[in-house]
N, C-alpha and C. Protein backbone atom coordinates (compact mmCIF):
# COMPACT_ATOMS: atom_id res chain seq x y z
N MET A 1 -27.41 -6.54 -10.99
CA MET A 1 -26.46 -5.90 -10.06
C MET A 1 -26.96 -6.05 -8.63
N THR A 2 -26.09 -6.45 -7.72
CA THR A 2 -26.47 -6.68 -6.34
C THR A 2 -26.65 -5.37 -5.59
N ARG A 3 -27.28 -5.47 -4.42
CA ARG A 3 -27.48 -4.28 -3.58
C ARG A 3 -26.14 -3.72 -3.12
N ASP A 4 -25.18 -4.62 -2.80
CA ASP A 4 -23.85 -4.16 -2.37
C ASP A 4 -23.16 -3.37 -3.46
N ASP A 5 -23.30 -3.84 -4.71
CA ASP A 5 -22.69 -3.11 -5.84
C ASP A 5 -23.30 -1.71 -5.97
N LYS A 6 -24.61 -1.62 -5.81
CA LYS A 6 -25.28 -0.32 -5.91
C LYS A 6 -24.82 0.63 -4.80
N ASP A 7 -24.68 0.08 -3.59
CA ASP A 7 -24.21 0.91 -2.47
C ASP A 7 -22.77 1.38 -2.72
N THR A 8 -21.94 0.50 -3.27
CA THR A 8 -20.56 0.86 -3.56
C THR A 8 -20.50 1.96 -4.62
N ILE A 9 -21.34 1.85 -5.65
CA ILE A 9 -21.38 2.86 -6.71
C ILE A 9 -21.84 4.20 -6.14
N ARG A 10 -22.86 4.17 -5.27
CA ARG A 10 -23.33 5.42 -4.64
C ARG A 10 -22.21 6.06 -3.84
N GLN A 11 -21.45 5.23 -3.10
CA GLN A 11 -20.33 5.74 -2.31
C GLN A 11 -19.26 6.35 -3.22
N SER A 12 -18.99 5.69 -4.34
CA SER A 12 -17.98 6.18 -5.29
C SER A 12 -18.41 7.51 -5.90
N ILE A 13 -19.70 7.62 -6.25
CA ILE A 13 -20.23 8.86 -6.82
C ILE A 13 -20.14 9.99 -5.80
N HIS A 14 -20.45 9.67 -4.54
CA HIS A 14 -20.35 10.68 -3.48
C HIS A 14 -18.90 11.17 -3.35
N GLY A 15 -17.94 10.23 -3.46
CA GLY A 15 -16.53 10.62 -3.38
C GLY A 15 -16.13 11.54 -4.51
N LEU A 16 -16.64 11.28 -5.72
CA LEU A 16 -16.33 12.13 -6.87
C LEU A 16 -16.93 13.52 -6.71
N LEU A 17 -18.19 13.58 -6.26
CA LEU A 17 -18.87 14.88 -6.13
C LEU A 17 -18.35 15.70 -4.96
N SER A 18 -17.64 15.06 -4.03
CA SER A 18 -17.11 15.80 -2.86
C SER A 18 -15.82 16.55 -3.19
N ASP A 19 -15.22 16.27 -4.36
CA ASP A 19 -13.98 16.95 -4.75
C ASP A 19 -14.30 18.31 -5.36
N THR A 20 -14.71 19.26 -4.52
CA THR A 20 -15.09 20.59 -5.01
C THR A 20 -14.04 21.65 -4.73
N ASP A 21 -13.17 21.41 -3.76
CA ASP A 21 -12.11 22.37 -3.42
C ASP A 21 -10.88 22.06 -4.27
N PRO A 22 -10.46 22.99 -5.16
CA PRO A 22 -9.33 22.71 -6.06
C PRO A 22 -8.01 22.43 -5.34
N ASP A 23 -7.77 23.15 -4.24
CA ASP A 23 -6.52 22.95 -3.50
C ASP A 23 -6.48 21.56 -2.86
N LYS A 24 -7.60 21.16 -2.24
CA LYS A 24 -7.66 19.83 -1.62
C LYS A 24 -7.59 18.74 -2.70
N LEU A 25 -8.21 19.01 -3.84
CA LEU A 25 -8.18 18.05 -4.94
C LEU A 25 -6.76 17.81 -5.42
N ILE A 26 -5.99 18.88 -5.55
CA ILE A 26 -4.59 18.75 -5.99
C ILE A 26 -3.77 17.97 -4.97
N LEU A 27 -3.99 18.27 -3.67
CA LEU A 27 -3.26 17.56 -2.62
C LEU A 27 -3.62 16.07 -2.62
N LYS A 28 -4.91 15.77 -2.77
CA LYS A 28 -5.33 14.37 -2.82
C LYS A 28 -4.71 13.65 -4.01
N SER A 29 -4.68 14.32 -5.15
CA SER A 29 -4.13 13.70 -6.35
C SER A 29 -2.62 13.48 -6.22
N LEU A 30 -1.92 14.42 -5.61
CA LEU A 30 -0.47 14.29 -5.45
C LEU A 30 -0.11 13.13 -4.52
N ARG A 31 -1.01 12.82 -3.59
CA ARG A 31 -0.76 11.66 -2.71
C ARG A 31 -0.73 10.36 -3.50
N SER A 32 -1.40 10.34 -4.64
CA SER A 32 -1.45 9.12 -5.45
C SER A 32 -0.12 8.79 -6.10
N ILE A 33 0.80 9.76 -6.16
CA ILE A 33 2.12 9.48 -6.74
C ILE A 33 3.23 9.58 -5.68
N MET A 34 2.82 9.52 -4.42
CA MET A 34 3.82 9.50 -3.36
C MET A 34 4.67 8.23 -3.49
N PRO A 35 5.98 8.34 -3.33
CA PRO A 35 6.85 7.17 -3.52
C PRO A 35 6.55 6.06 -2.52
N SER A 36 6.66 4.82 -2.99
CA SER A 36 6.53 3.66 -2.12
C SER A 36 7.82 3.50 -1.30
N LYS A 37 7.82 2.53 -0.38
CA LYS A 37 9.02 2.32 0.44
C LYS A 37 10.22 1.94 -0.44
N ARG A 38 9.98 1.10 -1.44
CA ARG A 38 11.07 0.71 -2.33
C ARG A 38 11.57 1.91 -3.14
N ARG A 39 10.61 2.76 -3.59
CA ARG A 39 11.01 3.95 -4.34
C ARG A 39 11.78 4.93 -3.46
N LYS A 40 11.40 5.03 -2.18
CA LYS A 40 12.11 5.92 -1.26
C LYS A 40 13.56 5.48 -1.08
N LEU A 41 13.79 4.16 -1.04
CA LEU A 41 15.16 3.65 -0.96
C LEU A 41 15.93 4.02 -2.22
N PHE A 42 15.27 3.91 -3.36
CA PHE A 42 15.89 4.28 -4.63
C PHE A 42 16.23 5.76 -4.65
N ILE A 43 15.30 6.60 -4.18
CA ILE A 43 15.53 8.05 -4.16
C ILE A 43 16.70 8.40 -3.24
N THR A 44 16.74 7.74 -2.06
CA THR A 44 17.84 7.99 -1.11
C THR A 44 19.18 7.62 -1.72
N ALA A 45 19.23 6.46 -2.39
CA ALA A 45 20.48 6.01 -3.02
C ALA A 45 20.88 6.93 -4.15
N ALA A 46 19.89 7.36 -4.96
CA ALA A 46 20.18 8.27 -6.08
C ALA A 46 20.66 9.62 -5.57
N LEU A 47 20.05 10.11 -4.49
CA LEU A 47 20.47 11.39 -3.92
C LEU A 47 21.89 11.31 -3.40
N PHE A 48 22.19 10.24 -2.67
CA PHE A 48 23.55 10.07 -2.13
C PHE A 48 24.58 10.00 -3.26
N LEU A 49 24.27 9.21 -4.28
CA LEU A 49 25.20 9.05 -5.40
C LEU A 49 25.41 10.36 -6.14
N SER A 50 24.33 11.10 -6.38
CA SER A 50 24.47 12.36 -7.10
C SER A 50 25.24 13.40 -6.29
N VAL A 51 25.06 13.40 -4.95
CA VAL A 51 25.85 14.31 -4.11
C VAL A 51 27.33 13.99 -4.22
N VAL A 52 27.66 12.72 -4.18
CA VAL A 52 29.07 12.30 -4.30
C VAL A 52 29.64 12.74 -5.64
N ILE A 53 28.87 12.52 -6.71
CA ILE A 53 29.36 12.87 -8.06
C ILE A 53 29.58 14.37 -8.18
N TYR A 54 28.59 15.16 -7.73
CA TYR A 54 28.73 16.61 -7.83
C TYR A 54 29.87 17.14 -6.98
N LEU A 55 30.03 16.58 -5.78
CA LEU A 55 31.07 17.07 -4.88
C LEU A 55 32.47 16.79 -5.41
N PHE A 56 32.68 15.60 -5.96
CA PHE A 56 34.03 15.18 -6.31
C PHE A 56 34.39 15.35 -7.78
N TYR A 57 33.39 15.57 -8.65
CA TYR A 57 33.71 15.66 -10.07
C TYR A 57 33.26 16.96 -10.74
N PHE A 58 32.12 17.50 -10.35
CA PHE A 58 31.56 18.60 -11.10
C PHE A 58 31.56 19.94 -10.37
N SER A 59 31.87 19.96 -9.11
CA SER A 59 31.75 21.23 -8.38
C SER A 59 33.07 21.71 -7.79
N ARG A 60 34.17 21.40 -8.43
CA ARG A 60 35.47 21.87 -7.94
C ARG A 60 35.66 23.36 -8.21
N ALA A 61 34.91 23.87 -9.16
CA ALA A 61 34.95 25.31 -9.44
C ALA A 61 33.57 25.75 -9.87
N TYR A 62 33.20 26.97 -9.50
CA TYR A 62 31.87 27.44 -9.84
C TYR A 62 31.86 28.33 -11.06
N THR A 63 32.99 28.44 -11.75
CA THR A 63 33.08 29.34 -12.90
C THR A 63 32.18 28.90 -14.06
N ASN A 64 31.95 27.61 -14.23
CA ASN A 64 31.07 27.15 -15.31
C ASN A 64 29.83 26.45 -14.77
N ALA A 65 29.51 26.66 -13.51
CA ALA A 65 28.34 26.03 -12.91
C ALA A 65 27.05 26.54 -13.56
N ILE A 66 26.99 27.82 -13.87
CA ILE A 66 25.80 28.40 -14.48
C ILE A 66 25.54 27.76 -15.83
N GLU A 67 26.58 27.66 -16.63
CA GLU A 67 26.43 27.08 -17.97
C GLU A 67 26.03 25.61 -17.89
N ARG A 68 26.64 24.86 -16.97
CA ARG A 68 26.30 23.45 -16.82
C ARG A 68 24.84 23.28 -16.39
N THR A 69 24.42 24.14 -15.48
CA THR A 69 23.04 24.06 -14.98
C THR A 69 22.04 24.35 -16.08
N MET A 70 22.31 25.36 -16.88
CA MET A 70 21.41 25.71 -17.98
C MET A 70 21.34 24.57 -19.00
N ASN A 71 22.46 23.94 -19.28
CA ASN A 71 22.47 22.81 -20.22
C ASN A 71 21.62 21.65 -19.68
N LEU A 72 21.74 21.40 -18.37
CA LEU A 72 20.95 20.33 -17.76
C LEU A 72 19.46 20.64 -17.82
N ILE A 73 19.09 21.88 -17.49
CA ILE A 73 17.69 22.26 -17.49
C ILE A 73 17.10 22.18 -18.90
N GLU A 74 17.86 22.62 -19.90
CA GLU A 74 17.38 22.55 -21.28
C GLU A 74 17.19 21.10 -21.72
N THR A 75 18.07 20.20 -21.25
CA THR A 75 17.93 18.78 -21.55
C THR A 75 16.67 18.22 -20.89
N VAL A 76 16.43 18.62 -19.64
CA VAL A 76 15.23 18.16 -18.92
C VAL A 76 13.97 18.67 -19.62
N ASN A 77 13.99 19.93 -20.06
CA ASN A 77 12.83 20.48 -20.77
C ASN A 77 12.57 19.76 -22.08
N THR A 78 13.63 19.34 -22.74
CA THR A 78 13.49 18.61 -24.00
C THR A 78 12.68 17.33 -23.81
N ILE A 79 12.83 16.73 -22.63
CA ILE A 79 12.09 15.50 -22.32
C ILE A 79 10.74 15.81 -21.68
N SER A 80 10.70 16.81 -20.81
CA SER A 80 9.49 17.10 -20.03
C SER A 80 8.33 17.60 -20.88
N LEU A 81 8.61 18.43 -21.87
CA LEU A 81 7.54 18.98 -22.70
C LEU A 81 6.78 17.88 -23.46
N PRO A 82 7.48 16.95 -24.12
CA PRO A 82 6.73 15.84 -24.76
C PRO A 82 6.00 14.96 -23.75
N VAL A 83 6.60 14.76 -22.57
CA VAL A 83 5.94 13.93 -21.56
C VAL A 83 4.65 14.59 -21.08
N LEU A 84 4.64 15.92 -20.97
CA LEU A 84 3.42 16.63 -20.59
C LEU A 84 2.35 16.43 -21.66
N GLY A 85 2.75 16.49 -22.93
CA GLY A 85 1.81 16.20 -24.01
C GLY A 85 1.30 14.77 -23.93
N LEU A 86 2.19 13.85 -23.57
CA LEU A 86 1.80 12.44 -23.39
C LEU A 86 0.81 12.30 -22.25
N ALA A 87 1.03 13.06 -21.17
CA ALA A 87 0.13 13.00 -20.02
C ALA A 87 -1.28 13.47 -20.39
N VAL A 88 -1.36 14.55 -21.14
CA VAL A 88 -2.67 15.07 -21.57
C VAL A 88 -3.36 14.07 -22.49
N THR A 89 -2.58 13.47 -23.41
CA THR A 89 -3.14 12.47 -24.32
C THR A 89 -3.64 11.24 -23.54
N GLY A 90 -2.83 10.80 -22.56
CA GLY A 90 -3.22 9.66 -21.74
C GLY A 90 -4.48 9.94 -20.95
N TYR A 91 -4.61 11.15 -20.44
CA TYR A 91 -5.80 11.52 -19.68
C TYR A 91 -7.03 11.54 -20.59
N ALA A 92 -6.83 12.01 -21.83
CA ALA A 92 -7.94 12.01 -22.79
C ALA A 92 -8.37 10.58 -23.13
N ILE A 93 -7.39 9.68 -23.27
CA ILE A 93 -7.70 8.27 -23.55
C ILE A 93 -8.47 7.67 -22.38
N PHE A 94 -8.04 7.99 -21.17
CA PHE A 94 -8.71 7.48 -19.97
C PHE A 94 -10.17 7.94 -19.93
N GLN A 95 -10.40 9.22 -20.21
CA GLN A 95 -11.77 9.75 -20.19
C GLN A 95 -12.62 9.14 -21.30
N ALA A 96 -11.97 8.84 -22.44
CA ALA A 96 -12.71 8.24 -23.56
C ALA A 96 -13.12 6.80 -23.24
N LEU A 97 -12.25 6.07 -22.56
CA LEU A 97 -12.54 4.66 -22.24
C LEU A 97 -13.44 4.51 -21.02
N ALA A 98 -13.38 5.49 -20.11
CA ALA A 98 -14.14 5.39 -18.85
C ALA A 98 -15.59 5.77 -19.07
N ASN A 99 -16.30 4.93 -19.79
CA ASN A 99 -17.73 5.17 -20.01
C ASN A 99 -18.44 3.83 -20.07
N GLY A 100 -19.76 3.89 -19.94
CA GLY A 100 -20.56 2.67 -20.04
C GLY A 100 -20.19 1.63 -18.99
N ASP A 101 -20.02 0.39 -19.47
CA ASP A 101 -19.72 -0.73 -18.56
C ASP A 101 -18.37 -0.58 -17.88
N THR A 102 -17.41 0.04 -18.59
CA THR A 102 -16.08 0.24 -18.02
C THR A 102 -16.15 1.17 -16.80
N LEU A 103 -16.92 2.24 -16.94
CA LEU A 103 -17.09 3.18 -15.83
C LEU A 103 -17.75 2.50 -14.64
N ILE A 104 -18.81 1.74 -14.89
CA ILE A 104 -19.51 1.04 -13.81
C ILE A 104 -18.57 0.06 -13.11
N THR A 105 -17.76 -0.64 -13.90
CA THR A 105 -16.81 -1.61 -13.33
C THR A 105 -15.83 -0.91 -12.40
N MET A 106 -15.31 0.25 -12.82
CA MET A 106 -14.35 0.97 -11.99
C MET A 106 -15.00 1.59 -10.76
N LEU A 107 -16.27 1.98 -10.88
CA LEU A 107 -16.98 2.55 -9.73
C LEU A 107 -17.33 1.48 -8.71
N LYS A 108 -17.49 0.23 -9.17
CA LYS A 108 -17.85 -0.86 -8.25
C LYS A 108 -16.67 -1.29 -7.38
N VAL A 109 -15.44 -1.04 -7.85
CA VAL A 109 -14.25 -1.40 -7.07
C VAL A 109 -13.87 -0.20 -6.21
N ASN A 110 -14.15 -0.29 -4.92
CA ASN A 110 -13.96 0.82 -4.00
C ASN A 110 -13.10 0.37 -2.83
N GLU A 111 -11.89 0.96 -2.73
CA GLU A 111 -10.97 0.64 -1.64
C GLU A 111 -10.56 1.92 -0.92
N ASN A 112 -10.61 1.87 0.42
CA ASN A 112 -10.25 3.04 1.23
C ASN A 112 -11.06 4.27 0.83
N GLU A 113 -12.37 4.07 0.62
CA GLU A 113 -13.30 5.14 0.25
C GLU A 113 -12.90 5.83 -1.05
N LYS A 114 -12.26 5.09 -1.94
CA LYS A 114 -11.83 5.66 -3.22
C LYS A 114 -12.00 4.59 -4.30
N SER A 115 -12.79 4.90 -5.32
CA SER A 115 -13.03 3.94 -6.39
C SER A 115 -11.83 3.89 -7.33
N LYS A 116 -11.81 2.84 -8.16
CA LYS A 116 -10.74 2.72 -9.15
C LYS A 116 -10.77 3.90 -10.12
N PHE A 117 -11.98 4.35 -10.46
CA PHE A 117 -12.09 5.51 -11.35
C PHE A 117 -11.44 6.73 -10.72
N GLN A 118 -11.75 6.97 -9.45
CA GLN A 118 -11.18 8.12 -8.75
C GLN A 118 -9.67 7.98 -8.60
N GLU A 119 -9.20 6.76 -8.36
CA GLU A 119 -7.77 6.51 -8.23
C GLU A 119 -7.03 6.85 -9.52
N TYR A 120 -7.56 6.39 -10.65
CA TYR A 120 -6.95 6.71 -11.94
C TYR A 120 -7.06 8.20 -12.24
N ASN A 121 -8.20 8.78 -11.90
CA ASN A 121 -8.41 10.22 -12.12
C ASN A 121 -7.37 11.04 -11.37
N TYR A 122 -7.15 10.68 -10.10
CA TYR A 122 -6.14 11.36 -9.28
C TYR A 122 -4.75 11.21 -9.90
N PHE A 123 -4.44 9.99 -10.34
CA PHE A 123 -3.09 9.75 -10.87
C PHE A 123 -2.81 10.61 -12.10
N PHE A 124 -3.72 10.62 -13.07
CA PHE A 124 -3.48 11.37 -14.30
C PHE A 124 -3.41 12.87 -14.03
N LEU A 125 -4.21 13.35 -13.07
CA LEU A 125 -4.14 14.76 -12.68
C LEU A 125 -2.80 15.06 -12.04
N ALA A 126 -2.38 14.21 -11.10
CA ALA A 126 -1.10 14.42 -10.40
C ALA A 126 0.09 14.34 -11.36
N PHE A 127 0.03 13.39 -12.28
CA PHE A 127 1.12 13.22 -13.25
C PHE A 127 1.25 14.47 -14.12
N SER A 128 0.14 15.03 -14.55
CA SER A 128 0.15 16.25 -15.35
C SER A 128 0.68 17.43 -14.53
N ILE A 129 0.21 17.56 -13.29
CA ILE A 129 0.65 18.66 -12.42
C ILE A 129 2.16 18.57 -12.16
N LEU A 130 2.66 17.35 -11.97
CA LEU A 130 4.07 17.13 -11.72
C LEU A 130 4.92 17.72 -12.84
N TYR A 131 4.56 17.45 -14.08
CA TYR A 131 5.36 17.93 -15.21
C TYR A 131 5.12 19.41 -15.50
N ILE A 132 3.93 19.92 -15.20
CA ILE A 132 3.70 21.36 -15.29
C ILE A 132 4.59 22.08 -14.28
N PHE A 133 4.69 21.52 -13.07
CA PHE A 133 5.54 22.10 -12.03
C PHE A 133 7.01 22.11 -12.47
N ILE A 134 7.47 21.01 -13.06
CA ILE A 134 8.86 20.93 -13.52
C ILE A 134 9.13 22.00 -14.57
N ILE A 135 8.23 22.15 -15.52
CA ILE A 135 8.41 23.13 -16.59
C ILE A 135 8.43 24.55 -16.04
N ILE A 136 7.54 24.85 -15.08
CA ILE A 136 7.51 26.19 -14.48
C ILE A 136 8.80 26.47 -13.71
N ILE A 137 9.24 25.50 -12.90
CA ILE A 137 10.48 25.67 -12.13
C ILE A 137 11.67 25.87 -13.07
N ASN A 138 11.73 25.09 -14.14
CA ASN A 138 12.82 25.24 -15.11
C ASN A 138 12.79 26.60 -15.79
N PHE A 139 11.59 27.06 -16.12
CA PHE A 139 11.45 28.38 -16.75
C PHE A 139 11.98 29.49 -15.83
N LEU A 140 11.54 29.46 -14.56
CA LEU A 140 11.98 30.49 -13.62
C LEU A 140 13.49 30.43 -13.38
N THR A 141 14.03 29.21 -13.33
CA THR A 141 15.47 29.05 -13.11
C THR A 141 16.27 29.58 -14.30
N ILE A 142 15.82 29.29 -15.51
CA ILE A 142 16.52 29.78 -16.70
C ILE A 142 16.47 31.30 -16.78
N VAL A 143 15.31 31.89 -16.45
CA VAL A 143 15.19 33.36 -16.44
C VAL A 143 16.20 33.95 -15.48
N PHE A 144 16.34 33.34 -14.30
CA PHE A 144 17.30 33.83 -13.31
C PHE A 144 18.74 33.67 -13.82
N LEU A 145 19.06 32.50 -14.34
CA LEU A 145 20.44 32.23 -14.75
C LEU A 145 20.87 33.07 -15.95
N ARG A 146 19.93 33.42 -16.81
CA ARG A 146 20.26 34.24 -17.98
C ARG A 146 20.52 35.70 -17.60
N ASN A 147 20.16 36.06 -16.39
CA ASN A 147 20.34 37.45 -15.95
C ASN A 147 21.46 37.61 -14.92
N VAL A 148 22.29 36.58 -14.76
CA VAL A 148 23.47 36.68 -13.90
C VAL A 148 24.70 36.33 -14.73
N SER A 149 25.84 36.72 -14.25
CA SER A 149 27.09 36.43 -14.96
C SER A 149 27.43 34.95 -14.82
N LEU A 150 28.25 34.44 -15.74
CA LEU A 150 28.61 33.03 -15.74
C LEU A 150 29.43 32.63 -14.52
N ASP A 151 30.09 33.62 -13.89
CA ASP A 151 30.88 33.30 -12.70
C ASP A 151 30.17 33.72 -11.41
N TRP A 152 28.82 33.85 -11.48
CA TRP A 152 28.07 34.28 -10.30
C TRP A 152 28.19 33.25 -9.19
N HIS A 153 28.27 33.75 -7.97
CA HIS A 153 28.29 32.89 -6.79
C HIS A 153 27.88 33.73 -5.58
N ILE A 154 27.66 33.07 -4.47
CA ILE A 154 27.31 33.78 -3.24
C ILE A 154 28.59 34.34 -2.66
N SER A 155 28.75 35.65 -2.76
CA SER A 155 30.05 36.29 -2.48
C SER A 155 30.50 36.16 -1.04
N PHE A 156 29.56 36.09 -0.07
CA PHE A 156 29.99 36.04 1.33
C PHE A 156 30.27 34.62 1.79
N PHE A 157 30.24 33.65 0.88
CA PHE A 157 30.65 32.28 1.18
C PHE A 157 31.95 31.96 0.45
N SER A 158 32.71 31.07 1.03
CA SER A 158 33.96 30.65 0.40
C SER A 158 33.69 29.76 -0.80
N LEU A 159 34.74 29.47 -1.57
CA LEU A 159 34.62 28.60 -2.73
C LEU A 159 34.09 27.23 -2.32
N THR A 160 34.61 26.70 -1.22
CA THR A 160 34.20 25.37 -0.76
C THR A 160 32.72 25.34 -0.40
N VAL A 161 32.27 26.35 0.33
CA VAL A 161 30.86 26.41 0.73
C VAL A 161 29.97 26.57 -0.49
N ASN A 162 30.38 27.41 -1.45
CA ASN A 162 29.61 27.57 -2.69
C ASN A 162 29.49 26.24 -3.43
N ASN A 163 30.59 25.51 -3.47
CA ASN A 163 30.58 24.22 -4.14
C ASN A 163 29.65 23.22 -3.46
N VAL A 164 29.67 23.22 -2.13
CA VAL A 164 28.81 22.31 -1.36
C VAL A 164 27.34 22.65 -1.59
N ILE A 165 27.00 23.94 -1.51
CA ILE A 165 25.62 24.37 -1.73
C ILE A 165 25.16 24.01 -3.14
N TYR A 166 26.02 24.29 -4.12
CA TYR A 166 25.68 23.96 -5.50
C TYR A 166 25.46 22.45 -5.67
N SER A 167 26.34 21.67 -5.06
CA SER A 167 26.23 20.21 -5.17
C SER A 167 24.94 19.70 -4.55
N LEU A 168 24.58 20.21 -3.39
CA LEU A 168 23.36 19.76 -2.71
C LEU A 168 22.11 20.14 -3.51
N VAL A 169 22.06 21.40 -3.98
CA VAL A 169 20.90 21.86 -4.74
C VAL A 169 20.74 21.06 -6.03
N MET A 170 21.84 20.87 -6.76
CA MET A 170 21.77 20.15 -8.02
C MET A 170 21.47 18.67 -7.79
N SER A 171 21.94 18.11 -6.69
CA SER A 171 21.66 16.71 -6.39
C SER A 171 20.19 16.50 -6.09
N ILE A 172 19.60 17.42 -5.32
CA ILE A 172 18.17 17.34 -5.02
C ILE A 172 17.36 17.49 -6.31
N TYR A 173 17.75 18.45 -7.14
CA TYR A 173 17.04 18.67 -8.41
C TYR A 173 17.14 17.44 -9.31
N PHE A 174 18.36 16.90 -9.44
CA PHE A 174 18.57 15.74 -10.31
C PHE A 174 17.76 14.53 -9.81
N THR A 175 17.75 14.32 -8.50
CA THR A 175 17.01 13.19 -7.92
C THR A 175 15.50 13.36 -8.12
N PHE A 176 15.02 14.58 -7.95
CA PHE A 176 13.59 14.87 -8.17
C PHE A 176 13.20 14.60 -9.62
N ILE A 177 14.02 15.05 -10.56
CA ILE A 177 13.74 14.85 -11.98
C ILE A 177 13.81 13.36 -12.32
N LEU A 178 14.79 12.67 -11.78
CA LEU A 178 14.91 11.24 -12.03
C LEU A 178 13.68 10.49 -11.54
N ASN A 179 13.18 10.86 -10.37
CA ASN A 179 11.98 10.22 -9.82
C ASN A 179 10.76 10.53 -10.70
N ALA A 180 10.70 11.75 -11.23
CA ALA A 180 9.59 12.11 -12.13
C ALA A 180 9.64 11.29 -13.41
N PHE A 181 10.84 11.03 -13.92
CA PHE A 181 10.97 10.21 -15.12
C PHE A 181 10.58 8.76 -14.85
N VAL A 182 10.92 8.27 -13.66
CA VAL A 182 10.53 6.90 -13.29
C VAL A 182 9.02 6.78 -13.21
N GLU A 183 8.35 7.87 -12.88
CA GLU A 183 6.88 7.87 -12.77
C GLU A 183 6.22 7.57 -14.11
N ILE A 184 6.96 7.75 -15.21
CA ILE A 184 6.42 7.42 -16.53
C ILE A 184 6.05 5.94 -16.60
N LYS A 185 6.82 5.11 -15.88
CA LYS A 185 6.51 3.68 -15.83
C LYS A 185 5.11 3.45 -15.25
N CYS A 186 4.77 4.17 -14.18
CA CYS A 186 3.44 4.05 -13.56
C CYS A 186 2.36 4.55 -14.52
N PHE A 187 2.69 5.58 -15.29
CA PHE A 187 1.76 6.13 -16.27
C PHE A 187 1.40 5.06 -17.31
N VAL A 188 2.42 4.40 -17.84
CA VAL A 188 2.20 3.35 -18.84
C VAL A 188 1.43 2.18 -18.22
N TYR A 189 1.78 1.81 -16.98
CA TYR A 189 1.11 0.70 -16.30
C TYR A 189 -0.38 1.01 -16.10
N ASN A 190 -0.70 2.23 -15.67
CA ASN A 190 -2.09 2.60 -15.44
C ASN A 190 -2.88 2.61 -16.75
N LEU A 191 -2.26 3.04 -17.84
CA LEU A 191 -2.93 2.98 -19.14
C LEU A 191 -3.24 1.53 -19.51
N TYR A 192 -2.26 0.65 -19.25
CA TYR A 192 -2.47 -0.77 -19.51
C TYR A 192 -3.64 -1.30 -18.70
N GLN A 193 -3.71 -0.93 -17.42
CA GLN A 193 -4.80 -1.38 -16.55
C GLN A 193 -6.16 -0.90 -17.04
N ILE A 194 -6.18 0.33 -17.56
CA ILE A 194 -7.44 0.89 -18.06
C ILE A 194 -7.90 0.13 -19.30
N PHE A 195 -6.96 -0.14 -20.22
CA PHE A 195 -7.29 -0.92 -21.41
C PHE A 195 -7.79 -2.32 -21.01
N SER A 196 -7.14 -2.92 -20.00
CA SER A 196 -7.55 -4.26 -19.54
C SER A 196 -8.94 -4.22 -18.93
N THR A 197 -9.22 -3.19 -18.13
CA THR A 197 -10.54 -3.04 -17.52
C THR A 197 -11.61 -2.85 -18.58
N ASN A 198 -11.29 -2.03 -19.59
CA ASN A 198 -12.24 -1.78 -20.67
C ASN A 198 -12.54 -3.08 -21.43
N ALA A 199 -11.49 -3.85 -21.74
CA ALA A 199 -11.68 -5.12 -22.45
C ALA A 199 -12.47 -6.10 -21.60
N SER A 200 -12.17 -6.17 -20.30
CA SER A 200 -12.88 -7.09 -19.41
C SER A 200 -14.35 -6.73 -19.29
N ALA A 201 -14.64 -5.43 -19.16
CA ALA A 201 -16.03 -4.99 -19.03
C ALA A 201 -16.84 -5.32 -20.28
N LYS A 202 -16.23 -5.11 -21.45
CA LYS A 202 -16.93 -5.43 -22.69
C LYS A 202 -17.12 -6.94 -22.84
N GLY A 203 -16.10 -7.70 -22.40
CA GLY A 203 -16.20 -9.15 -22.46
C GLY A 203 -17.31 -9.68 -21.57
N ILE A 204 -17.42 -9.13 -20.36
CA ILE A 204 -18.47 -9.55 -19.43
C ILE A 204 -19.85 -9.20 -19.98
N THR A 205 -19.97 -8.01 -20.56
CA THR A 205 -21.25 -7.60 -21.16
C THR A 205 -21.65 -8.54 -22.30
N TYR A 206 -20.68 -8.92 -23.12
CA TYR A 206 -20.95 -9.83 -24.24
C TYR A 206 -21.40 -11.20 -23.73
N LEU A 207 -20.71 -11.72 -22.71
CA LEU A 207 -21.08 -13.02 -22.15
C LEU A 207 -22.47 -12.98 -21.53
N ASN A 208 -22.77 -11.89 -20.82
CA ASN A 208 -24.08 -11.75 -20.19
C ASN A 208 -25.20 -11.68 -21.23
N SER A 209 -24.93 -10.96 -22.33
CA SER A 209 -25.94 -10.85 -23.38
C SER A 209 -26.20 -12.20 -24.05
N ASN A 210 -25.13 -12.99 -24.22
CA ASN A 210 -25.29 -14.33 -24.79
C ASN A 210 -26.08 -15.25 -23.88
N GLU A 211 -25.82 -15.11 -22.56
CA GLU A 211 -26.54 -15.94 -21.59
C GLU A 211 -28.04 -15.63 -21.59
N SER A 212 -28.35 -14.33 -21.72
CA SER A 212 -29.76 -13.93 -21.69
C SER A 212 -30.51 -14.39 -22.94
N GLU A 213 -29.78 -14.56 -24.05
CA GLU A 213 -30.42 -14.98 -25.31
C GLU A 213 -30.74 -16.46 -25.31
N LYS A 214 -30.04 -17.24 -24.46
CA LYS A 214 -30.24 -18.69 -24.44
C LYS A 214 -31.55 -19.06 -23.71
C-alpha cells in the first residue's frame, strides 16, 4: 500500500469519527439523497401535472376528500412499510460486506473529503430516515382524519379556496411520495455497487496472493 493510500485512509477514518453530533449526521446523510438537476425537472413536472389533475378532476367537491386522502395514505403505507424493511435489510447487507479488503477499498476512494464507505453509509441512513418520516407523517395524518367528519373543511374559506388548498397540499404530498419511490432505484444501484466493490476487492486480493506465490 502506498503512502498516499495510507493518508487517504487516515483522512477517511477521521471523517467517520467526526460524525458525533446526531443532528448534523442526519443532515449530512439527507444531503446524499438530494435530487439531481434532472430529478428536480422531473419533480417540477410531476408537481405541475398532479396540481392540474387534482384541480380539474378530483377537487370539485370536498365532501369525499377525507375518504380519498385516507385511501391514498393507506396505499402509500402498504408500500412504505415493506420498503422500510428492505432499507434495514440493505443496510445490514452493506455492513456485512463492508469488511476486510472491501472496507479498505472503499476507504481508499475519497472524494470531497468523503470516502465511498461514508457515502454509502450516509445513503442507507438517509433512505431509512426518509421512509420512517413518511410513515410517521402518514400516521399523524390518519389520526387527524379519523377524528374529523367526512365533510370537514376550512369553514371561513369558500368552496373554491378549499379545493385549491386541498389540491396544492395533495399535489405536494403525491410528488414527495413519488420522488421517495424513485429513490428505490438508487437504493438498488448502490447495493449493486457494493456487491461489485466486494467482488473486485476479493479478486484483487486473490491475484495479489497468486503473484506473491510465484
